[in-house]
Amino acid sequence: MSGRDRTGGDRRVDLAELVRLRVQHPEAIAEAAERRGRRALVGPSGRLMIIAADHPARGALAAGGDDLAMASRPELLERLCTALSRPGVDGVLATADILDDLLLLGALEDKVVIGSMNRGGLAGSAFELDDRFTGYRPRDLVRAGFDAGKLLLRLDYSDTGSLSTLHAAARAIDEMAEARLPVFVEPFVSRRADGVLRNDLGADAVTRSIAIASGLAGSSAYTWLKVPVTDDPDDMVRVMETSTLPAVLLGGDVGGTPAEQERAYEKWRSALRLPTVRGLVAGRSLLYPADGDVVAAVDTAVGLL
C-alpha cells in the first residue's frame, strides 16, 4: 500500500508484529474475541452494511480484472480496516484467518462479525459443487462469541455434488438455530459452461434458489438470505416475494470501470427499497474499487441504505 491515494485511509498493518503474536502469544486471538463481546445483529435502523472478505479461502483472489488482487494479506487487511472504520459500516464477513488478524488489530470492536462456514468448493475445481464445510462450525462461532454465520449453496441439477452440499447446509442451519445464531444462506442455481461454473442470475433461477434455501432445515427462525440482484433489476420485486425471510443483497465483483461500479450502485439502490431486503453485503467491489478509493466506495454504498 502506498498511502491515501490507494484507499483514502491511513491504517498500516505491521506484518511482523502479527506474525510475532501468532508465534509467541496465539491465545491473544481468543482474548481479543472475549474483549470484543457480542452485539445485536441489527441495530435500531433495521439495516445492515457488511464488508465481505471470505473469497481468498476459496482460491478466488481476483478483483476488478486483476487475478491476484486479494493475494497480499497486509494490503487486504489495510483495506478492511479502512472500510470498517467508516460510519455506517456494521461489520465484516470472513474466514478464521482474516477475522483472527482483525481481532489482533483491534478492528472488530463494536462490529458485527460473521464467520464463513463452507469454503471447500474451491474455485475452478472438479469438486466445486461438493462444497464441504471446511470453515467455521456453529460451535466455533459460539465459542468465539461471533454474531452470525454464512454459507454458500450452489445447486447444479446435473451435478450430484450439489446434494451433499444441500444436506450439509440443512444440518448447519439446524445447528445454528439450536444455538440461536443467525445464518446467512447464499443460494444460486448454477451451471457449467465449457468447464466453468456460472451462477444463473435470471429471475426464474434466482426465484427457485430462494424457494429452496428458505425451506431448508427444521427451523427458519434464524435464517437470512444473501441474494444477488437479477440480470434485469426490474424482476427483483417478484423475485423477493418468494420468501418472507429477511435478505441482504450480494455485492459481488461488479467490474473494473467506474461506469460498471455506478451501474451496480443503481441496481442496489433499487433493490434496497424492497420490504424483505434489509441491507448489503459487498466485498471486492468496495475493497478494490475501480478508482482505488475505498473510503469513497464504502461511503457511497452506506448512503444507499
C-alpha atoms as a PDB file:
ATOM      1  CA  MET A   1       0.000   0.000   0.000  1.00  0.00           C
ATOM      2  CA  SER A   2       1.429   3.356  -0.916  1.00  0.00           C
ATOM      3  CA  GLY A   3      -0.830   5.656   1.107  1.00  0.00           C
ATOM      4  CA  ARG A   4      -4.038   7.605   0.994  1.00  0.00           C
ATOM      5  CA  ASP A   5      -4.151   7.674  -2.812  1.00  0.00           C
ATOM      6  CA  ARG A   6      -4.765   3.908  -2.821  1.00  0.00           C
ATOM      7  CA  THR A   7      -7.542   3.618  -0.239  1.00  0.00           C
ATOM      8  CA  GLY A   8      -8.406   7.013   1.175  1.00  0.00           C
ATOM      9  CA  GLY A   9      -7.280   5.720   4.590  1.00  0.00           C
ATOM     10  CA  ASP A  10      -4.178   5.797   6.758  1.00  0.00           C
ATOM     11  CA  ARG A  11      -4.214   2.413   8.525  1.00  0.00           C
ATOM     12  CA  ARG A  12      -0.971   0.438   8.218  1.00  0.00           C
ATOM     13  CA  VAL A  13      -0.570  -3.231   9.098  1.00  0.00           C
ATOM     14  CA  ASP A  14       2.643  -4.388  10.789  1.00  0.00           C
ATOM     15  CA  LEU A  15       3.038  -7.865   9.277  1.00  0.00           C
ATOM     16  CA  ALA A  16       5.999  -8.731  11.505  1.00  0.00           C
ATOM     17  CA  GLU A  17       4.001  -7.892  14.646  1.00  0.00           C
ATOM     18  CA  LEU A  18       1.060 -10.037  13.568  1.00  0.00           C
ATOM     19  CA  VAL A  19       3.392 -12.975  12.955  1.00  0.00           C
ATOM     20  CA  ARG A  20       5.135 -12.387  16.298  1.00  0.00           C
ATOM     21  CA  LEU A  21       1.810 -12.528  18.138  1.00  0.00           C
ATOM     22  CA  ARG A  22       0.796 -15.704  16.329  1.00  0.00           C
ATOM     23  CA  VAL A  23       4.106 -17.356  17.222  1.00  0.00           C
ATOM     24  CA  GLN A  24       4.586 -16.173  20.802  1.00  0.00           C
ATOM     25  CA  HIS A  25       1.068 -15.428  22.014  1.00  0.00           C
ATOM     26  CA  PRO A  26      -1.539 -17.348  19.942  1.00  0.00           C
ATOM     27  CA  GLU A  27      -4.026 -17.126  22.810  1.00  0.00           C
ATOM     28  CA  ALA A  28      -4.182 -13.368  22.118  1.00  0.00           C
ATOM     29  CA  ILE A  29      -6.776 -14.137  19.432  1.00  0.00           C
ATOM     30  CA  ALA A  30      -9.216 -15.727  21.893  1.00  0.00           C
ATOM     31  CA  GLU A  31      -8.515 -12.945  24.397  1.00  0.00           C
ATOM     32  CA  ALA A  32      -9.333 -10.306  21.805  1.00  0.00           C
ATOM     33  CA  ALA A  33     -12.545 -12.136  20.866  1.00  0.00           C
ATOM     34  CA  GLU A  34     -13.600 -12.222  24.510  1.00  0.00           C
ATOM     35  CA  ARG A  35     -12.957  -8.494  24.920  1.00  0.00           C
ATOM     36  CA  ARG A  36     -14.988  -7.706  21.812  1.00  0.00           C
ATOM     37  CA  GLY A  37     -18.199  -9.197  23.176  1.00  0.00           C
ATOM     38  CA  ARG A  38     -21.406  -9.947  21.296  1.00  0.00           C
ATOM     39  CA  ARG A  39     -23.569  -7.257  19.725  1.00  0.00           C
ATOM     40  CA  ALA A  40     -27.031  -7.249  18.190  1.00  0.00           C
ATOM     41  CA  LEU A  41     -27.006  -8.242  14.543  1.00  0.00           C
ATOM     42  CA  VAL A  42     -29.280  -5.369  13.549  1.00  0.00           C
ATOM     43  CA  GLY A  43     -29.481  -2.002  15.286  1.00  0.00           C
ATOM     44  CA  PRO A  44     -32.392   0.430  15.570  1.00  0.00           C
ATOM     45  CA  SER A  45     -32.273   1.238  11.836  1.00  0.00           C
ATOM     46  CA  GLY A  46     -33.099  -2.365  10.964  1.00  0.00           C
ATOM     47  CA  ARG A  47     -30.399  -2.208   8.271  1.00  0.00           C
ATOM     48  CA  LEU A  48     -27.059  -3.970   7.781  1.00  0.00           C
ATOM     49  CA  MET A  49     -23.902  -2.923   5.929  1.00  0.00           C
ATOM     50  CA  ILE A  50     -21.348  -5.746   5.914  1.00  0.00           C
ATOM     51  CA  ILE A  51     -17.936  -5.931   4.224  1.00  0.00           C
ATOM     52  CA  ALA A  52     -17.201  -9.388   2.781  1.00  0.00           C
ATOM     53  CA  ALA A  53     -13.707 -10.859   2.656  1.00  0.00           C
ATOM     54  CA  ASP A  54     -14.103 -14.635   2.552  1.00  0.00           C
ATOM     55  CA  HIS A  55     -13.081 -15.006  -1.106  1.00  0.00           C
ATOM     56  CA  PRO A  56      -9.375 -15.933  -0.637  1.00  0.00           C
ATOM     57  CA  ALA A  57     -10.164 -19.176   1.234  1.00  0.00           C
ATOM     58  CA  ARG A  58     -11.818 -20.483  -1.921  1.00  0.00           C
ATOM     59  CA  GLY A  59      -8.781 -19.527  -4.008  1.00  0.00           C
ATOM     60  CA  ALA A  60     -10.778 -16.668  -5.547  1.00  0.00           C
ATOM     61  CA  LEU A  61      -8.279 -13.798  -5.447  1.00  0.00           C
ATOM     62  CA  ALA A  62      -9.406 -11.757  -8.444  1.00  0.00           C
ATOM     63  CA  ALA A  63     -10.988  -8.319  -8.285  1.00  0.00           C
ATOM     64  CA  GLY A  64     -11.552  -5.692 -10.949  1.00  0.00           C
ATOM     65  CA  GLY A  65      -9.663  -7.574 -13.657  1.00  0.00           C
ATOM     66  CA  ASP A  66      -6.591  -8.358 -11.519  1.00  0.00           C
ATOM     67  CA  ASP A  67      -6.357 -12.128 -10.962  1.00  0.00           C
ATOM     68  CA  LEU A  68      -4.307 -11.732  -7.758  1.00  0.00           C
ATOM     69  CA  ALA A  69      -5.731  -8.505  -6.365  1.00  0.00           C
ATOM     70  CA  MET A  70      -6.521 -10.060  -2.970  1.00  0.00           C
ATOM     71  CA  ALA A  71      -3.292 -12.046  -2.660  1.00  0.00           C
ATOM     72  CA  SER A  72      -1.431  -9.519  -0.499  1.00  0.00           C
ATOM     73  CA  ARG A  73      -2.700 -10.089   3.038  1.00  0.00           C
ATOM     74  CA  PRO A  74      -1.276  -6.861   4.524  1.00  0.00           C
ATOM     75  CA  GLU A  75      -2.939  -4.814   1.774  1.00  0.00           C
ATOM     76  CA  LEU A  76      -6.248  -6.665   2.178  1.00  0.00           C
ATOM     77  CA  LEU A  77      -6.171  -6.083   5.951  1.00  0.00           C
ATOM     78  CA  GLU A  78      -5.425  -2.391   5.470  1.00  0.00           C
ATOM     79  CA  ARG A  79      -8.331  -2.035   3.078  1.00  0.00           C
ATOM     80  CA  LEU A  80     -10.596  -3.896   5.508  1.00  0.00           C
ATOM     81  CA  CYS A  81      -9.537  -1.686   8.420  1.00  0.00           C
ATOM     82  CA  THR A  82     -10.260   1.392   6.315  1.00  0.00           C
ATOM     83  CA  ALA A  83     -13.702   0.077   5.337  1.00  0.00           C
ATOM     84  CA  LEU A  84     -14.589  -0.957   8.898  1.00  0.00           C
ATOM     85  CA  SER A  85     -13.653   2.485  10.208  1.00  0.00           C
ATOM     86  CA  ARG A  86     -16.260   4.244   8.066  1.00  0.00           C
ATOM     87  CA  PRO A  87     -19.532   5.465   9.618  1.00  0.00           C
ATOM     88  CA  GLY A  88     -22.463   3.194   8.850  1.00  0.00           C
ATOM     89  CA  VAL A  89     -20.420   0.018   8.330  1.00  0.00           C
ATOM     90  CA  ASP A  90     -21.798  -2.608  10.713  1.00  0.00           C
ATOM     91  CA  GLY A  91     -19.261  -5.376  10.364  1.00  0.00           C
ATOM     92  CA  VAL A  92     -17.401  -7.975   8.355  1.00  0.00           C
ATOM     93  CA  LEU A  93     -17.843 -11.451   6.857  1.00  0.00           C
ATOM     94  CA  ALA A  94     -14.679 -13.551   6.606  1.00  0.00           C
ATOM     95  CA  THR A  95     -12.885 -16.804   7.363  1.00  0.00           C
ATOM     96  CA  ALA A  96     -10.971 -17.507  10.567  1.00  0.00           C
ATOM     97  CA  ASP A  97      -7.543 -16.458   9.295  1.00  0.00           C
ATOM     98  CA  ILE A  98      -8.758 -12.979   8.353  1.00  0.00           C
ATOM     99  CA  LEU A  99     -11.022 -12.497  11.383  1.00  0.00           C
ATOM    100  CA  ASP A 100      -8.178 -13.571  13.691  1.00  0.00           C
ATOM    101  CA  ASP A 101      -5.918 -10.946  12.122  1.00  0.00           C
ATOM    102  CA  LEU A 102      -8.617  -8.291  12.511  1.00  0.00           C
ATOM    103  CA  LEU A 103      -9.088  -9.271  16.167  1.00  0.00           C
ATOM    104  CA  LEU A 104      -5.352  -8.833  16.764  1.00  0.00           C
ATOM    105  CA  LEU A 105      -5.524  -5.450  15.032  1.00  0.00           C
ATOM    106  CA  GLY A 106      -8.391  -4.342  17.277  1.00  0.00           C
ATOM    107  CA  ALA A 107     -10.566  -3.663  14.229  1.00  0.00           C
ATOM    108  CA  LEU A 108     -13.659  -5.593  15.375  1.00  0.00           C
ATOM    109  CA  GLU A 109     -14.681  -3.642  18.465  1.00  0.00           C
ATOM    110  CA  ASP A 110     -18.438  -2.992  18.374  1.00  0.00           C
ATOM    111  CA  LYS A 111     -18.692  -4.646  14.952  1.00  0.00           C
ATOM    112  CA  VAL A 112     -20.908  -7.450  13.711  1.00  0.00           C
ATOM    113  CA  VAL A 113     -18.732 -10.478  12.976  1.00  0.00           C
ATOM    114  CA  ILE A 114     -19.999 -13.151  10.571  1.00  0.00           C
ATOM    115  CA  GLY A 115     -17.977 -16.331  10.128  1.00  0.00           C
ATOM    116  CA  SER A 116     -17.819 -18.034   6.724  1.00  0.00           C
ATOM    117  CA  MET A 117     -18.654 -21.725   7.090  1.00  0.00           C
ATOM    118  CA  ASN A 118     -18.193 -23.666   3.840  1.00  0.00           C
ATOM    119  CA  ARG A 119     -15.194 -22.938   1.618  1.00  0.00           C
ATOM    120  CA  GLY A 120     -14.403 -26.453   0.368  1.00  0.00           C
ATOM    121  CA  GLY A 121     -15.763 -25.925  -3.143  1.00  0.00           C
ATOM    122  CA  LEU A 122     -12.563 -24.412  -4.487  1.00  0.00           C
ATOM    123  CA  ALA A 123     -12.940 -22.096  -7.459  1.00  0.00           C
ATOM    124  CA  GLY A 124     -12.396 -23.962 -10.727  1.00  0.00           C
ATOM    125  CA  SER A 125     -12.088 -27.405  -9.131  1.00  0.00           C
ATOM    126  CA  ALA A 126     -13.863 -30.561 -10.317  1.00  0.00           C
ATOM    127  CA  PHE A 127     -15.448 -30.806  -6.840  1.00  0.00           C
ATOM    128  CA  GLU A 128     -16.577 -27.162  -6.686  1.00  0.00           C
ATOM    129  CA  LEU A 129     -20.227 -28.067  -6.075  1.00  0.00           C
ATOM    130  CA  ASP A 130     -19.489 -30.566  -3.303  1.00  0.00           C
ATOM    131  CA  ASP A 131     -18.955 -27.577  -1.077  1.00  0.00           C
ATOM    132  CA  ARG A 132     -17.702 -29.046   2.202  1.00  0.00           C
ATOM    133  CA  PHE A 133     -17.918 -27.134   5.470  1.00  0.00           C
ATOM    134  CA  THR A 134     -14.218 -26.512   5.916  1.00  0.00           C
ATOM    135  CA  GLY A 135     -14.569 -23.156   7.698  1.00  0.00           C
ATOM    136  CA  TYR A 136     -16.375 -22.237  10.894  1.00  0.00           C
ATOM    137  CA  ARG A 137     -18.620 -24.770  12.616  1.00  0.00           C
ATOM    138  CA  PRO A 138     -21.572 -23.475  14.624  1.00  0.00           C
ATOM    139  CA  ARG A 139     -19.783 -24.317  17.882  1.00  0.00           C
ATOM    140  CA  ASP A 140     -16.740 -22.338  16.743  1.00  0.00           C
ATOM    141  CA  LEU A 141     -18.901 -19.261  16.236  1.00  0.00           C
ATOM    142  CA  VAL A 142     -20.453 -19.730  19.671  1.00  0.00           C
ATOM    143  CA  ARG A 143     -17.051 -20.165  21.325  1.00  0.00           C
ATOM    144  CA  ALA A 144     -15.652 -17.050  19.667  1.00  0.00           C
ATOM    145  CA  GLY A 145     -18.737 -15.025  20.584  1.00  0.00           C
ATOM    146  CA  PHE A 146     -19.372 -14.084  16.960  1.00  0.00           C
ATOM    147  CA  ASP A 147     -22.736 -12.826  15.784  1.00  0.00           C
ATOM    148  CA  ALA A 148     -23.712 -14.965  12.780  1.00  0.00           C
ATOM    149  CA  GLY A 149     -22.538 -17.442  10.164  1.00  0.00           C
ATOM    150  CA  LYS A 150     -22.780 -17.601   6.392  1.00  0.00           C
ATOM    151  CA  LEU A 151     -22.942 -20.490   3.958  1.00  0.00           C
ATOM    152  CA  LEU A 152     -22.914 -20.714   0.167  1.00  0.00           C
ATOM    153  CA  LEU A 153     -25.410 -23.014  -1.562  1.00  0.00           C
ATOM    154  CA  ARG A 154     -24.819 -23.535  -5.277  1.00  0.00           C
ATOM    155  CA  LEU A 155     -27.156 -26.041  -6.922  1.00  0.00           C
ATOM    156  CA  ASP A 156     -26.480 -27.635 -10.302  1.00  0.00           C
ATOM    157  CA  TYR A 157     -29.251 -30.077 -11.165  1.00  0.00           C
ATOM    158  CA  SER A 158     -26.782 -32.128 -13.218  1.00  0.00           C
ATOM    159  CA  ASP A 159     -24.066 -32.431 -10.541  1.00  0.00           C
ATOM    160  CA  THR A 160     -24.537 -34.863  -7.651  1.00  0.00           C
ATOM    161  CA  GLY A 161     -22.126 -32.826  -5.528  1.00  0.00           C
ATOM    162  CA  SER A 162     -24.933 -30.347  -5.003  1.00  0.00           C
ATOM    163  CA  LEU A 163     -26.901 -32.913  -2.995  1.00  0.00           C
ATOM    164  CA  SER A 164     -24.071 -33.275  -0.475  1.00  0.00           C
ATOM    165  CA  THR A 165     -23.889 -29.507  -0.115  1.00  0.00           C
ATOM    166  CA  LEU A 166     -27.677 -29.243   0.241  1.00  0.00           C
ATOM    167  CA  HIS A 167     -27.743 -31.840   3.016  1.00  0.00           C
ATOM    168  CA  ALA A 168     -24.773 -30.337   4.873  1.00  0.00           C
ATOM    169  CA  ALA A 169     -26.298 -26.854   4.603  1.00  0.00           C
ATOM    170  CA  ALA A 170     -29.589 -28.022   6.131  1.00  0.00           C
ATOM    171  CA  ARG A 171     -27.856 -29.598   9.111  1.00  0.00           C
ATOM    172  CA  ALA A 172     -25.682 -26.496   9.613  1.00  0.00           C
ATOM    173  CA  ILE A 173     -28.810 -24.325   9.670  1.00  0.00           C
ATOM    174  CA  ASP A 174     -30.313 -26.681  12.275  1.00  0.00           C
ATOM    175  CA  GLU A 175     -27.240 -26.299  14.481  1.00  0.00           C
ATOM    176  CA  MET A 176     -27.233 -22.530  14.108  1.00  0.00           C
ATOM    177  CA  ALA A 177     -30.923 -22.376  15.075  1.00  0.00           C
ATOM    178  CA  GLU A 178     -30.218 -24.505  18.152  1.00  0.00           C
ATOM    179  CA  ALA A 179     -27.521 -22.004  19.136  1.00  0.00           C
ATOM    180  CA  ARG A 180     -29.889 -19.101  18.306  1.00  0.00           C
ATOM    181  CA  LEU A 181     -27.346 -17.681  15.908  1.00  0.00           C
ATOM    182  CA  PRO A 182     -28.410 -16.102  12.595  1.00  0.00           C
ATOM    183  CA  VAL A 183     -27.116 -17.769   9.452  1.00  0.00           C
ATOM    184  CA  PHE A 184     -26.964 -16.124   6.034  1.00  0.00           C
ATOM    185  CA  VAL A 185     -27.649 -18.556   3.181  1.00  0.00           C
ATOM    186  CA  GLU A 186     -26.378 -17.508  -0.249  1.00  0.00           C
ATOM    187  CA  PRO A 187     -28.224 -19.657  -2.823  1.00  0.00           C
ATOM    188  CA  PHE A 188     -27.688 -19.969  -6.559  1.00  0.00           C
ATOM    189  CA  VAL A 189     -28.801 -22.197  -9.376  1.00  0.00           C
ATOM    190  CA  SER A 190     -25.501 -22.858 -11.170  1.00  0.00           C
ATOM    191  CA  ARG A 191     -24.438 -24.474 -14.425  1.00  0.00           C
ATOM    192  CA  ARG A 192     -21.164 -25.459 -16.059  1.00  0.00           C
ATOM    193  CA  ALA A 193     -20.375 -23.964 -19.439  1.00  0.00           C
ATOM    194  CA  ASP A 194     -17.131 -25.039 -21.125  1.00  0.00           C
ATOM    195  CA  GLY A 195     -15.978 -26.401 -17.768  1.00  0.00           C
ATOM    196  CA  VAL A 196     -16.576 -23.119 -15.917  1.00  0.00           C
ATOM    197  CA  LEU A 197     -19.212 -22.923 -13.201  1.00  0.00           C
ATOM    198  CA  ARG A 198     -21.518 -19.932 -13.637  1.00  0.00           C
ATOM    199  CA  ASN A 199     -24.385 -18.733 -11.481  1.00  0.00           C
ATOM    200  CA  ASP A 200     -27.681 -18.133 -13.266  1.00  0.00           C
ATOM    201  CA  LEU A 201     -28.913 -14.619 -12.371  1.00  0.00           C
ATOM    202  CA  GLY A 202     -32.097 -14.865 -14.406  1.00  0.00           C
ATOM    203  CA  ALA A 203     -35.268 -14.141 -12.451  1.00  0.00           C
ATOM    204  CA  ASP A 204     -36.617 -17.704 -12.622  1.00  0.00           C
ATOM    205  CA  ALA A 205     -33.344 -19.224 -11.399  1.00  0.00           C
ATOM    206  CA  VAL A 206     -32.958 -16.764  -8.516  1.00  0.00           C
ATOM    207  CA  THR A 207     -36.610 -17.323  -7.544  1.00  0.00           C
ATOM    208  CA  ARG A 208     -36.085 -21.088  -7.468  1.00  0.00           C
ATOM    209  CA  SER A 209     -32.888 -20.805  -5.428  1.00  0.00           C
ATOM    210  CA  ILE A 210     -34.644 -18.613  -2.840  1.00  0.00           C
ATOM    211  CA  ALA A 211     -37.539 -21.063  -2.542  1.00  0.00           C
ATOM    212  CA  ILE A 212     -35.167 -23.994  -1.975  1.00  0.00           C
ATOM    213  CA  ALA A 213     -32.976 -22.174   0.545  1.00  0.00           C
ATOM    214  CA  SER A 214     -35.979 -20.913   2.522  1.00  0.00           C
ATOM    215  CA  GLY A 215     -37.278 -24.457   3.089  1.00  0.00           C
ATOM    216  CA  LEU A 216     -34.061 -25.953   4.457  1.00  0.00           C
ATOM    217  CA  ALA A 217     -33.702 -27.392   7.975  1.00  0.00           C
ATOM    218  CA  GLY A 218     -36.135 -27.791  10.853  1.00  0.00           C
ATOM    219  CA  SER A 219     -36.447 -24.100  11.614  1.00  0.00           C
ATOM    220  CA  SER A 220     -36.194 -20.914   9.593  1.00  0.00           C
ATOM    221  CA  ALA A 221     -36.314 -18.656  12.644  1.00  0.00           C
ATOM    222  CA  TYR A 222     -32.663 -17.630  12.396  1.00  0.00           C
ATOM    223  CA  THR A 223     -32.211 -17.917   8.620  1.00  0.00           C
ATOM    224  CA  TRP A 224     -31.407 -14.886   6.472  1.00  0.00           C
ATOM    225  CA  LEU A 225     -30.899 -14.909   2.715  1.00  0.00           C
ATOM    226  CA  LYS A 226     -27.976 -13.368   0.850  1.00  0.00           C
ATOM    227  CA  VAL A 227     -29.183 -12.815  -2.699  1.00  0.00           C
ATOM    228  CA  PRO A 228     -27.865 -11.346  -5.953  1.00  0.00           C
ATOM    229  CA  VAL A 229     -29.622  -8.672  -7.961  1.00  0.00           C
ATOM    230  CA  THR A 230     -31.099 -10.311 -11.044  1.00  0.00           C
ATOM    231  CA  ASP A 231     -29.867  -9.601 -14.559  1.00  0.00           C
ATOM    232  CA  ASP A 232     -32.940  -7.406 -15.013  1.00  0.00           C
ATOM    233  CA  PRO A 233     -33.303  -5.359 -11.791  1.00  0.00           C
ATOM    234  CA  ASP A 234     -36.996  -4.809 -12.561  1.00  0.00           C
ATOM    235  CA  ASP A 235     -37.556  -8.504 -11.819  1.00  0.00           C
ATOM    236  CA  MET A 236     -36.481  -8.130  -8.191  1.00  0.00           C
ATOM    237  CA  VAL A 237     -39.955  -7.153  -6.958  1.00  0.00           C
ATOM    238  CA  ARG A 238     -41.497 -10.516  -7.831  1.00  0.00           C
ATOM    239  CA  VAL A 239     -38.317 -12.469  -7.055  1.00  0.00           C
ATOM    240  CA  MET A 240     -38.178 -11.150  -3.487  1.00  0.00           C
ATOM    241  CA  GLU A 241     -41.827 -12.093  -2.913  1.00  0.00           C
ATOM    242  CA  THR A 242     -40.730 -15.754  -2.965  1.00  0.00           C
ATOM    243  CA  SER A 243     -39.918 -15.742   0.756  1.00  0.00           C
ATOM    244  CA  THR A 244     -40.632 -13.815   3.947  1.00  0.00           C
ATOM    245  CA  LEU A 245     -37.095 -14.413   5.222  1.00  0.00           C
ATOM    246  CA  PRO A 246     -35.058 -11.229   5.693  1.00  0.00           C
ATOM    247  CA  ALA A 247     -32.449 -10.759   2.994  1.00  0.00           C
ATOM    248  CA  VAL A 248     -29.297  -8.820   2.237  1.00  0.00           C
ATOM    249  CA  LEU A 249     -28.009  -8.088  -1.237  1.00  0.00           C
ATOM    250  CA  LEU A 250     -24.857  -9.734  -2.539  1.00  0.00           C
ATOM    251  CA  GLY A 251     -22.417  -7.164  -3.893  1.00  0.00           C
ATOM    252  CA  GLY A 252     -20.083  -9.345  -5.939  1.00  0.00           C
ATOM    253  CA  ASP A 253     -17.342  -8.205  -8.306  1.00  0.00           C
ATOM    254  CA  VAL A 254     -19.039  -5.512 -10.378  1.00  0.00           C
ATOM    255  CA  GLY A 255     -16.284  -4.936 -12.921  1.00  0.00           C
ATOM    256  CA  GLY A 256     -13.212  -2.828 -13.443  1.00  0.00           C
ATOM    257  CA  THR A 257     -14.539   0.550 -14.589  1.00  0.00           C
ATOM    258  CA  PRO A 258     -16.246   3.450 -12.790  1.00  0.00           C
ATOM    259  CA  ALA A 259     -19.227   3.098 -15.142  1.00  0.00           C
ATOM    260  CA  GLU A 260     -19.714  -0.541 -14.155  1.00  0.00           C
ATOM    261  CA  GLN A 261     -19.463   0.415 -10.482  1.00  0.00           C
ATOM    262  CA  GLU A 262     -22.085   3.145 -10.918  1.00  0.00           C
ATOM    263  CA  ARG A 263     -24.463   0.712 -12.626  1.00  0.00           C
ATOM    264  CA  ALA A 264     -24.072  -1.654  -9.681  1.00  0.00           C
ATOM    265  CA  TYR A 265     -24.916   1.132  -7.227  1.00  0.00           C
ATOM    266  CA  GLU A 266     -28.107   1.898  -9.151  1.00  0.00           C
ATOM    267  CA  LYS A 267     -29.162  -1.768  -9.059  1.00  0.00           C
ATOM    268  CA  TRP A 268     -28.506  -1.946  -5.311  1.00  0.00           C
ATOM    269  CA  ARG A 269     -30.372   1.300  -4.672  1.00  0.00           C
ATOM    270  CA  SER A 270     -33.491  -0.012  -6.387  1.00  0.00           C
ATOM    271  CA  ALA A 271     -33.444  -3.434  -4.699  1.00  0.00           C
ATOM    272  CA  LEU A 272     -32.841  -1.945  -1.238  1.00  0.00           C
ATOM    273  CA  ARG A 273     -36.322  -0.390  -1.377  1.00  0.00           C
ATOM    274  CA  LEU A 274     -37.988  -3.824  -1.241  1.00  0.00           C
ATOM    275  CA  PRO A 275     -39.526  -4.821   2.102  1.00  0.00           C
ATOM    276  CA  THR A 276     -37.579  -8.057   2.666  1.00  0.00           C
ATOM    277  CA  VAL A 277     -34.207  -6.531   1.728  1.00  0.00           C
ATOM    278  CA  ARG A 278     -32.557  -5.341   4.926  1.00  0.00           C
ATOM    279  CA  GLY A 279     -29.031  -4.487   3.845  1.00  0.00           C
ATOM    280  CA  LEU A 280     -25.989  -5.065   1.693  1.00  0.00           C
ATOM    281  CA  VAL A 281     -23.001  -7.416   1.888  1.00  0.00           C
ATOM    282  CA  ALA A 282     -20.269  -6.307  -0.513  1.00  0.00           C
ATOM    283  CA  GLY A 283     -16.597  -7.135  -0.712  1.00  0.00           C
ATOM    284  CA  ARG A 284     -14.402  -6.819  -3.755  1.00  0.00           C
ATOM    285  CA  SER A 285     -16.434  -4.010  -5.313  1.00  0.00           C
ATOM    286  CA  LEU A 286     -15.820  -1.828  -2.237  1.00  0.00           C
ATOM    287  CA  LEU A 287     -12.383  -3.037  -1.155  1.00  0.00           C
ATOM    288  CA  TYR A 288     -10.931  -2.845  -4.695  1.00  0.00           C
ATOM    289  CA  PRO A 289     -12.996  -0.155  -6.473  1.00  0.00           C
ATOM    290  CA  ALA A 290     -12.159   0.931  -9.983  1.00  0.00           C
ATOM    291  CA  ASP A 291     -10.707   4.276  -8.862  1.00  0.00           C
ATOM    292  CA  GLY A 292      -8.846   2.788  -5.865  1.00  0.00           C
ATOM    293  CA  ASP A 293     -10.660   4.936  -3.305  1.00  0.00           C
ATOM    294  CA  VAL A 294     -12.022   2.555  -0.653  1.00  0.00           C
ATOM    295  CA  VAL A 295     -13.420   5.367   1.502  1.00  0.00           C
ATOM    296  CA  ALA A 296     -15.472   6.845  -1.333  1.00  0.00           C
ATOM    297  CA  ALA A 297     -16.761   3.426  -2.435  1.00  0.00           C
ATOM    298  CA  VAL A 298     -17.790   2.402   1.079  1.00  0.00           C
ATOM    299  CA  ASP A 299     -19.389   5.767   1.874  1.00  0.00           C
ATOM    300  CA  THR A 300     -21.388   5.607  -1.354  1.00  0.00           C
ATOM    301  CA  ALA A 301     -22.643   2.109  -0.513  1.00  0.00           C
ATOM    302  CA  VAL A 302     -23.585   3.199   3.013  1.00  0.00           C
ATOM    303  CA  GLY A 303     -25.501   6.091   1.528  1.00  0.00           C
ATOM    304  CA  LEU A 304     -27.667   3.669  -0.460  1.00  0.00           C
ATOM    305  CA  LEU A 305     -29.101   2.304   2.782  1.00  0.00           C
END
